[in-house]
Protein backbone atom coordinates (compact mmCIF):
# COMPACT_ATOMS: atom_id res chain seq x y z
CA MET A 1 104.09 -19.56 93.13
CA SER A 2 101.24 -18.31 91.06
CA SER A 3 98.27 -20.68 90.55
CA LEU A 4 95.50 -20.68 87.92
CA LEU A 5 92.14 -22.37 88.18
CA VAL A 6 90.14 -23.33 85.18
CA ASP A 7 86.43 -24.01 86.16
CA ASN A 8 82.93 -24.01 84.83
CA ILE A 9 84.04 -26.69 82.41
CA GLY A 10 81.31 -28.27 80.37
CA GLU A 11 83.30 -31.34 79.41
CA LEU A 12 86.94 -32.16 80.14
CA VAL A 13 88.87 -34.36 77.64
CA THR A 14 91.63 -35.98 79.59
CA ASN A 15 92.71 -38.80 77.40
CA VAL A 16 93.07 -40.78 80.67
CA PRO A 17 90.21 -43.25 80.86
CA ALA A 18 91.86 -45.08 83.64
CA ALA A 19 91.51 -42.06 85.99
CA GLY A 20 87.77 -42.26 86.22
CA GLY A 21 86.80 -40.65 82.91
CA ASP A 22 84.32 -41.98 80.37
CA GLY A 23 85.25 -43.67 77.18
CA PRO A 24 88.54 -43.56 75.29
CA LEU A 25 88.80 -39.81 75.77
CA GLY A 26 88.48 -40.08 79.64
CA LEU A 27 85.70 -37.46 79.56
CA ARG A 28 84.85 -35.93 82.93
CA ARG A 29 82.15 -33.41 83.80
CA GLY A 30 81.62 -31.23 86.91
CA VAL A 31 85.35 -30.85 87.34
CA ALA A 32 87.93 -28.02 87.61
CA LEU A 33 91.58 -27.95 86.81
CA LEU A 34 94.47 -26.18 88.71
CA VAL A 35 97.74 -25.18 87.05
CA GLU A 36 101.04 -24.17 88.83
CA ALA A 37 104.39 -23.49 87.31
CA GLY A 38 103.22 -24.47 83.85
CA ARG A 39 101.89 -27.93 84.99
CA VAL A 40 98.59 -29.38 85.80
CA VAL A 41 98.65 -30.06 89.50
CA TRP A 42 95.02 -31.04 90.25
CA ILE A 43 91.97 -32.19 88.59
CA GLY A 44 88.82 -32.83 90.65
CA PRO A 45 85.13 -32.02 91.46
CA ALA A 46 84.53 -28.35 90.98
CA ARG A 47 82.94 -27.97 94.41
CA TYR A 48 86.28 -29.03 95.97
CA ALA A 49 88.52 -26.80 93.84
CA PRO A 50 91.34 -25.26 95.89
CA ALA A 51 91.87 -21.51 96.05
CA ALA A 52 93.94 -20.02 93.22
CA ASP A 53 95.54 -16.67 92.42
CA ARG A 54 93.79 -16.36 89.07
CA ARG A 55 90.68 -17.96 87.49
CA ILE A 56 89.52 -18.69 83.96
CA ASP A 57 85.84 -19.31 83.50
CA ALA A 58 85.28 -21.82 80.74
CA GLU A 59 81.69 -20.66 80.47
CA GLY A 60 80.44 -24.22 80.03
CA GLY A 61 82.84 -24.94 77.13
CA ALA A 62 84.75 -28.11 76.53
CA VAL A 63 88.38 -28.20 77.58
CA LEU A 64 90.84 -30.42 75.70
CA PRO A 65 94.53 -31.08 75.62
CA GLY A 66 96.27 -28.82 73.11
CA PHE A 67 96.63 -30.44 69.64
CA VAL A 68 99.97 -32.04 68.98
CA ASP A 69 100.77 -31.53 65.25
CA SER A 70 103.48 -33.96 64.60
CA HIS A 71 104.08 -33.25 60.82
CA ALA A 72 104.55 -29.80 59.37
CA HIS A 73 106.88 -28.01 57.00
CA LEU A 74 106.89 -24.37 58.06
CA VAL A 75 110.39 -23.09 56.86
CA PHE A 76 109.84 -21.95 53.24
CA ALA A 77 109.40 -18.95 51.04
CA GLY A 78 106.79 -18.16 48.42
CA ASP A 79 103.68 -20.14 47.72
CA ARG A 80 102.29 -22.54 45.09
CA ALA A 81 98.74 -21.19 44.65
CA ALA A 82 99.08 -21.62 40.87
CA GLU A 83 99.96 -25.21 41.27
CA PHE A 84 96.95 -25.74 43.48
CA ALA A 85 94.73 -24.18 40.91
CA ALA A 86 96.18 -26.51 38.25
CA ARG A 87 95.33 -29.49 40.38
CA MET A 88 91.93 -28.30 40.89
CA ALA A 89 91.62 -28.09 37.09
CA GLY A 90 92.60 -31.74 36.79
CA GLU A 91 96.46 -31.93 36.86
CA PRO A 92 97.75 -34.89 39.09
CA TYR A 93 99.98 -34.26 42.06
CA THR A 94 103.54 -35.80 41.71
CA GLY A 95 105.59 -33.95 44.25
CA GLY A 96 107.56 -32.21 41.60
CA GLY A 97 106.56 -28.74 42.84
CA ILE A 98 108.83 -29.11 45.93
CA ARG A 99 111.76 -27.88 43.70
CA THR A 100 109.90 -24.61 43.13
CA THR A 101 109.76 -23.95 46.80
CA VAL A 102 113.43 -25.01 47.17
CA GLY A 103 114.41 -22.22 44.78
CA ALA A 104 112.35 -19.62 46.67
CA THR A 105 113.65 -20.72 50.08
CA ARG A 106 117.28 -20.59 49.00
CA ALA A 107 116.82 -16.97 47.80
CA ALA A 108 115.00 -15.81 50.94
CA SER A 109 116.68 -14.00 53.81
CA ASP A 110 116.71 -15.46 57.37
CA ASP A 111 114.22 -12.75 58.43
CA ASP A 112 111.85 -13.74 55.59
CA LEU A 113 111.96 -17.38 56.63
CA ARG A 114 111.56 -16.54 60.30
CA ASP A 115 108.53 -14.31 59.62
CA THR A 116 106.79 -17.27 57.88
CA VAL A 117 107.65 -19.72 60.57
CA HIS A 118 106.37 -17.42 63.34
CA ARG A 119 103.24 -16.38 61.35
CA LEU A 120 102.21 -20.08 60.79
CA ARG A 121 103.14 -21.12 64.29
CA ASP A 122 100.96 -18.32 65.70
CA GLU A 123 98.15 -19.26 63.28
CA ALA A 124 98.34 -22.87 64.48
CA MET A 125 98.33 -21.84 68.21
CA ARG A 126 95.22 -19.89 67.71
CA GLN A 127 93.53 -22.97 66.48
CA GLY A 128 94.51 -24.98 69.49
CA THR A 129 97.99 -26.44 68.49
CA THR A 130 100.31 -26.24 71.41
CA THR A 131 103.05 -28.59 70.20
CA MET A 132 104.34 -28.57 66.66
CA GLU A 133 106.91 -30.51 64.82
CA ILE A 134 108.76 -28.51 62.07
CA LYS A 135 110.82 -30.01 59.32
CA SER A 136 113.59 -28.58 57.04
CA GLY A 137 113.57 -29.83 53.53
CA TYR A 138 113.26 -26.85 51.34
CA GLY A 139 116.97 -25.80 51.43
CA LEU A 140 118.78 -28.97 50.24
CA THR A 141 122.23 -27.41 50.66
CA VAL A 142 124.36 -27.83 53.74
CA ALA A 143 123.97 -24.23 54.72
CA ASP A 144 120.33 -23.87 53.95
CA GLU A 145 119.29 -27.03 55.75
CA ALA A 146 121.21 -25.96 58.88
CA ARG A 147 119.68 -22.54 58.87
CA SER A 148 116.12 -23.90 58.35
CA LEU A 149 116.54 -26.02 61.40
CA ARG A 150 118.13 -23.23 63.34
CA ILE A 151 115.16 -21.01 62.61
CA ALA A 152 112.60 -23.76 63.35
CA ALA A 153 114.28 -24.36 66.75
CA GLU A 154 113.33 -20.82 67.75
CA VAL A 155 109.72 -21.95 68.10
CA THR A 156 109.73 -25.71 68.81
CA ALA A 157 111.89 -28.39 70.26
CA GLU A 158 110.42 -30.85 67.73
CA THR A 159 112.65 -30.21 64.73
CA THR A 160 113.23 -32.68 61.95
CA PHE A 161 116.10 -32.81 59.49
CA LEU A 162 114.51 -33.57 56.01
CA GLY A 163 117.52 -33.08 53.71
CA ALA A 164 116.22 -36.18 51.89
CA HIS A 165 112.98 -34.39 50.67
CA VAL A 166 113.89 -34.67 46.92
CA VAL A 167 117.11 -34.76 44.90
CA PRO A 168 117.77 -31.10 44.09
CA ALA A 169 118.25 -30.04 40.46
CA GLU A 170 121.95 -29.67 40.66
CA TYR A 171 122.25 -33.42 41.50
CA ALA A 172 119.78 -34.55 38.79
CA GLY A 173 120.86 -38.10 37.67
CA ARG A 174 123.31 -38.43 40.65
CA PRO A 175 121.19 -39.51 43.63
CA ASP A 176 124.02 -41.46 45.16
CA ASP A 177 126.14 -38.34 45.24
CA TYR A 178 123.30 -36.40 46.95
CA VAL A 179 122.67 -39.12 49.48
CA GLY A 180 126.39 -38.98 50.35
CA LEU A 181 126.09 -35.30 50.96
CA VAL A 182 123.02 -35.80 53.12
CA CYS A 183 124.68 -38.55 55.20
CA GLY A 184 127.87 -36.56 55.55
CA PRO A 185 128.34 -32.80 55.66
CA MET A 186 124.61 -31.95 55.66
CA LEU A 187 123.85 -34.21 58.59
CA THR A 188 126.83 -32.87 60.48
CA ALA A 189 125.70 -29.31 60.02
CA ALA A 190 121.95 -30.00 60.71
CA ALA A 191 122.17 -32.44 63.69
CA PRO A 192 122.86 -29.78 66.39
CA TYR A 193 119.52 -28.17 65.59
CA ALA A 194 117.46 -31.34 65.06
CA ARG A 195 115.79 -33.97 67.23
CA TRP A 196 114.61 -36.18 64.31
CA VAL A 197 115.68 -37.31 60.85
CA ASP A 198 113.13 -37.98 58.06
CA VAL A 199 113.21 -39.22 54.48
CA PHE A 200 110.64 -38.98 51.64
CA CYS A 201 110.67 -42.61 50.71
CA GLU A 202 108.64 -42.48 47.51
CA ARG A 203 108.95 -42.92 43.72
CA GLY A 204 110.61 -39.85 42.36
CA ALA A 205 112.35 -39.25 45.63
CA PHE A 206 114.41 -41.85 47.62
CA ASP A 207 114.29 -45.56 47.34
CA ALA A 208 114.55 -48.10 50.13
CA ASP A 209 118.34 -48.44 50.09
CA HIS A 210 118.83 -44.70 50.18
CA THR A 211 116.31 -44.33 52.88
CA ARG A 212 117.83 -47.04 55.03
CA ALA A 213 121.29 -45.53 54.66
CA ILE A 214 120.13 -42.00 55.68
CA LEU A 215 118.04 -43.21 58.60
CA THR A 216 120.85 -45.40 59.82
CA VAL A 217 123.41 -42.64 59.79
CA GLY A 218 120.94 -40.25 61.39
CA GLN A 219 120.20 -42.65 64.16
CA ALA A 220 123.90 -43.15 64.79
CA ALA A 221 124.16 -39.35 65.19
CA GLY A 222 121.53 -39.49 67.97
CA LEU A 223 118.47 -38.47 66.03
CA GLY A 224 115.07 -40.26 66.15
CA LEU A 225 113.48 -41.63 63.07
CA ARG A 226 110.51 -40.52 61.10
CA LEU A 227 109.44 -41.39 57.60
CA HIS A 228 107.30 -40.13 54.67
CA ALA A 229 105.88 -43.41 53.39
CA ASN A 230 103.32 -44.82 50.96
CA GLN A 231 101.75 -41.52 50.00
CA LEU A 232 101.89 -41.63 46.16
CA GLY A 233 101.63 -45.41 45.79
CA PRO A 234 102.59 -48.75 47.37
CA GLY A 235 106.14 -49.08 48.49
CA PRO A 236 108.59 -50.20 51.09
CA GLY A 237 108.50 -47.29 53.36
CA VAL A 238 106.01 -48.38 56.06
CA ARG A 239 107.64 -51.74 56.52
CA LEU A 240 111.13 -50.15 56.57
CA GLY A 241 110.00 -47.69 59.18
CA VAL A 242 108.65 -50.48 61.43
CA GLU A 243 111.85 -52.52 61.02
CA LEU A 244 113.99 -49.58 62.01
CA GLY A 245 111.84 -48.64 64.92
CA ALA A 246 110.71 -45.24 63.57
CA ALA A 247 108.47 -43.23 65.82
CA SER A 248 106.17 -42.50 63.01
CA VAL A 249 105.43 -43.36 59.37
CA ASP A 250 103.51 -40.56 57.77
CA HIS A 251 100.86 -40.42 54.99
CA CYS A 252 100.15 -44.20 54.84
CA THR A 253 97.71 -43.74 51.96
CA HIS A 254 98.50 -46.90 49.98
CA LEU A 255 98.85 -49.84 52.30
CA SER A 256 99.07 -53.58 51.77
CA ASP A 257 97.91 -56.15 54.25
CA VAL A 258 101.57 -56.74 55.13
CA ASP A 259 102.08 -53.06 55.88
CA VAL A 260 99.02 -53.08 58.17
CA ASP A 261 100.13 -56.26 59.83
CA ALA A 262 103.52 -54.66 60.51
CA LEU A 263 102.06 -51.56 62.08
CA ALA A 264 99.65 -53.67 64.22
CA GLY A 265 102.59 -55.74 65.49
CA SER A 266 104.50 -52.65 66.36
CA ALA A 267 101.50 -51.25 68.31
CA THR A 268 101.95 -54.05 70.90
CA THR A 269 105.52 -52.88 71.79
CA THR A 270 106.78 -50.31 74.21
CA ASP A 271 107.62 -47.78 71.52
CA PRO A 272 105.23 -48.39 68.59
CA THR A 273 105.59 -46.98 65.12
CA VAL A 274 102.59 -44.58 64.80
CA ALA A 275 100.74 -44.25 61.52
CA THR A 276 100.36 -40.51 61.12
CA LEU A 277 97.61 -39.59 58.71
CA LEU A 278 97.61 -36.24 56.81
CA PRO A 279 94.09 -35.70 55.36
CA GLY A 280 94.87 -32.11 54.44
CA ALA A 281 97.19 -33.51 51.73
CA GLU A 282 94.43 -35.62 50.26
CA PHE A 283 92.00 -32.72 50.36
CA SER A 284 94.50 -30.41 48.52
CA THR A 285 95.56 -32.91 45.97
CA ARG A 286 92.31 -34.70 45.22
CA SER A 287 93.93 -38.01 46.17
CA PRO A 288 92.30 -40.95 47.89
CA TYR A 289 92.24 -40.56 51.58
CA PRO A 290 93.94 -43.11 53.91
CA ASP A 291 91.69 -45.77 55.30
CA ALA A 292 91.88 -44.96 58.97
CA ARG A 293 89.08 -47.47 59.84
CA ARG A 294 91.21 -50.26 58.50
CA LEU A 295 94.10 -49.22 60.66
CA LEU A 296 92.18 -48.68 63.79
CA ASP A 297 90.29 -51.93 63.52
CA ALA A 298 93.68 -53.63 63.22
CA GLY A 299 94.90 -52.10 66.39
CA VAL A 300 97.33 -49.65 64.82
CA THR A 301 98.26 -46.45 66.79
CA VAL A 302 97.05 -43.56 64.63
CA ALA A 303 97.85 -39.81 64.80
CA LEU A 304 96.51 -36.88 62.83
CA ALA A 305 98.68 -33.99 61.66
CA THR A 306 98.33 -31.07 59.18
CA ASP A 307 101.32 -31.59 56.86
CA CYS A 308 101.24 -27.69 56.66
CA ASN A 309 103.40 -26.88 53.61
CA PRO A 310 102.94 -24.51 50.59
CA GLY A 311 102.38 -27.14 48.02
CA SER A 312 100.22 -30.02 49.04
CA SER A 313 98.54 -29.08 52.29
CA TYR A 314 98.63 -25.31 53.01
CA THR A 315 96.58 -25.59 56.32
CA SER A 316 97.65 -25.02 59.87
CA SER A 317 94.27 -26.15 61.19
CA MET A 318 94.13 -29.29 63.28
CA PRO A 319 90.31 -28.78 63.70
CA PHE A 320 89.95 -28.93 59.98
CA CYS A 321 92.01 -32.19 59.83
CA VAL A 322 89.74 -33.66 62.67
CA ALA A 323 86.67 -32.84 60.62
CA LEU A 324 88.18 -34.41 57.49
CA ALA A 325 89.19 -37.55 59.34
CA VAL A 326 85.64 -38.03 60.61
CA ARG A 327 83.96 -37.25 57.28
CA GLU A 328 86.42 -38.90 54.81
CA MET A 329 88.45 -41.47 56.78
CA ARG A 330 85.71 -43.19 58.78
CA MET A 331 86.99 -42.12 62.19
CA THR A 332 84.61 -41.43 65.07
CA PRO A 333 84.88 -37.91 66.57
CA ALA A 334 86.46 -39.43 69.62
CA GLU A 335 89.04 -41.35 67.65
CA ALA A 336 89.92 -38.24 65.63
CA VAL A 337 90.35 -36.02 68.76
CA TRP A 338 92.56 -38.69 70.36
CA ALA A 339 94.60 -38.97 67.24
CA ALA A 340 95.14 -35.26 67.08
CA THR A 341 96.17 -34.97 70.71
CA ALA A 342 97.39 -38.20 72.39
CA GLY A 343 98.19 -39.82 69.08
CA GLY A 344 100.37 -36.84 67.97
CA ALA A 345 102.18 -37.12 71.38
CA ARG A 346 102.93 -40.73 70.74
CA ALA A 347 104.25 -39.98 67.30
CA LEU A 348 106.73 -37.59 68.95
CA ARG A 349 107.32 -40.04 71.85
CA ARG A 350 106.26 -37.45 74.37
CA THR A 351 104.53 -38.15 77.63
CA ASP A 352 104.17 -34.57 78.90
CA VAL A 353 101.65 -33.40 76.26
CA GLY A 354 98.50 -34.75 74.58
CA ALA A 355 96.57 -35.52 77.86
CA LEU A 356 95.39 -33.57 80.98
CA ARG A 357 96.41 -35.20 84.18
CA PRO A 358 98.53 -34.05 87.17
CA GLY A 359 102.08 -33.64 86.18
CA VAL A 360 101.76 -32.91 82.52
CA ARG A 361 102.37 -29.59 80.84
CA ALA A 362 99.36 -27.29 81.03
CA ASP A 363 98.72 -27.12 77.35
CA LEU A 364 95.01 -26.92 76.67
CA MET A 365 92.25 -25.36 74.68
CA ILE A 366 88.81 -24.08 75.65
CA LEU A 367 86.12 -24.44 73.05
CA ASP A 368 83.19 -22.16 72.46
CA ALA A 369 81.15 -25.34 72.43
CA PRO A 370 80.04 -27.78 75.09
CA SER A 371 81.73 -30.85 73.64
CA HIS A 372 84.64 -32.20 71.59
CA LEU A 373 81.94 -33.43 69.17
CA HIS A 374 81.56 -29.93 67.84
CA LEU A 375 85.01 -29.96 66.20
CA ALA A 376 83.69 -32.35 63.58
CA TYR A 377 80.05 -31.37 63.91
CA ARG A 378 80.73 -27.66 63.02
CA PRO A 379 83.55 -27.84 60.55
CA GLY A 380 85.18 -24.58 59.55
CA VAL A 381 83.80 -22.68 62.49
CA PRO A 382 86.47 -21.08 64.80
CA LEU A 383 85.56 -22.80 68.05
CA VAL A 384 88.81 -22.41 69.94
CA ARG A 385 88.11 -19.62 72.36
CA GLN A 386 91.20 -19.68 74.41
CA VAL A 387 94.55 -21.45 74.51
CA LEU A 388 96.99 -22.21 77.46
CA HIS A 389 100.51 -23.08 76.53
CA ASN A 390 102.75 -24.07 79.51
CA GLY A 391 99.92 -22.69 81.69
CA VAL A 392 100.10 -19.19 80.08
CA PRO A 393 97.03 -17.87 78.20
CA GLN A 394 97.96 -17.28 74.56
CA CYS A 395 94.85 -15.86 73.06
CA ARG A 396 91.24 -15.23 73.64
CA LEU A 397 89.20 -15.01 70.39
């Protein structure tokens, strides 16, 4: 069995403070890390490092768990650069541009969609993202939703059925009929390729009754629950997600005290509902940022994700989202890094990623910087020097 030793580490972020590391990130120094069969098998003082078949010299750089991006929309065609330019000129974001992408996606070939998914997945990997959730939601027909998920499943196990993204034009004025399609033939076709079901619970999309119906049917089909909630304004989404035991409620921009209390109460349970914040969307729409400080101070479990999509957040960069979270959402660098790694893992209910300890998947990044602090301290700089996914080096920049 081949083994790989990573040594000369400046700072190791473990996210396991109970194992002798410092602070919430479980920081360790003067240590090395051994990988076998795609798993971390040993972490300890570098001077006691066992022999290995191969070695990676971290050159004094920080080593972190790979980012876990728990919210992304990669299966699409075309772009919406003109819409972005209009927003920068003062037009508000309403979510209506989704239908533009739906038309382009329906017209695209499987190979065109596959090329986009692989290009963006590789782009994210080069920036340290080793686990990525991918949603459907730009097909909105039975066949197009199923093929979107089939293509997404080629690059990730974390696939999400988002047939309830918006009501497509052909169902305008007939939302009940469309929800019936989503809950029936569309779910049946999509479920074999999906782990999760999601709904855009928002004004102009799906109301609480429709959301509850779709999530309930999806759960009965064996899918886990996720939810777009409270992005464009106050609404019932967050509380509904907590009530139904959703793994994550995403966006969380407009929250009442009752919403925060519900999330805080969930955080004390075995399977909390995570508040996943998507600062790339606020950056790209000039909208108010979520108040992460309010959530963290209340004890809510928080994750960060990119929301990579062609309309409201066309970024695959988790380092960029970490920097935004620190600058705009009042998170400390340690909180933002935890939310982008361990927090994302919790939002996907995964225990094998988002941390570095013996037994977990050997997903990690090596920075061209001595500390995790540089991810926020040096925004926009390509600091990820090397990525290991399942113990296999993916790139060296």
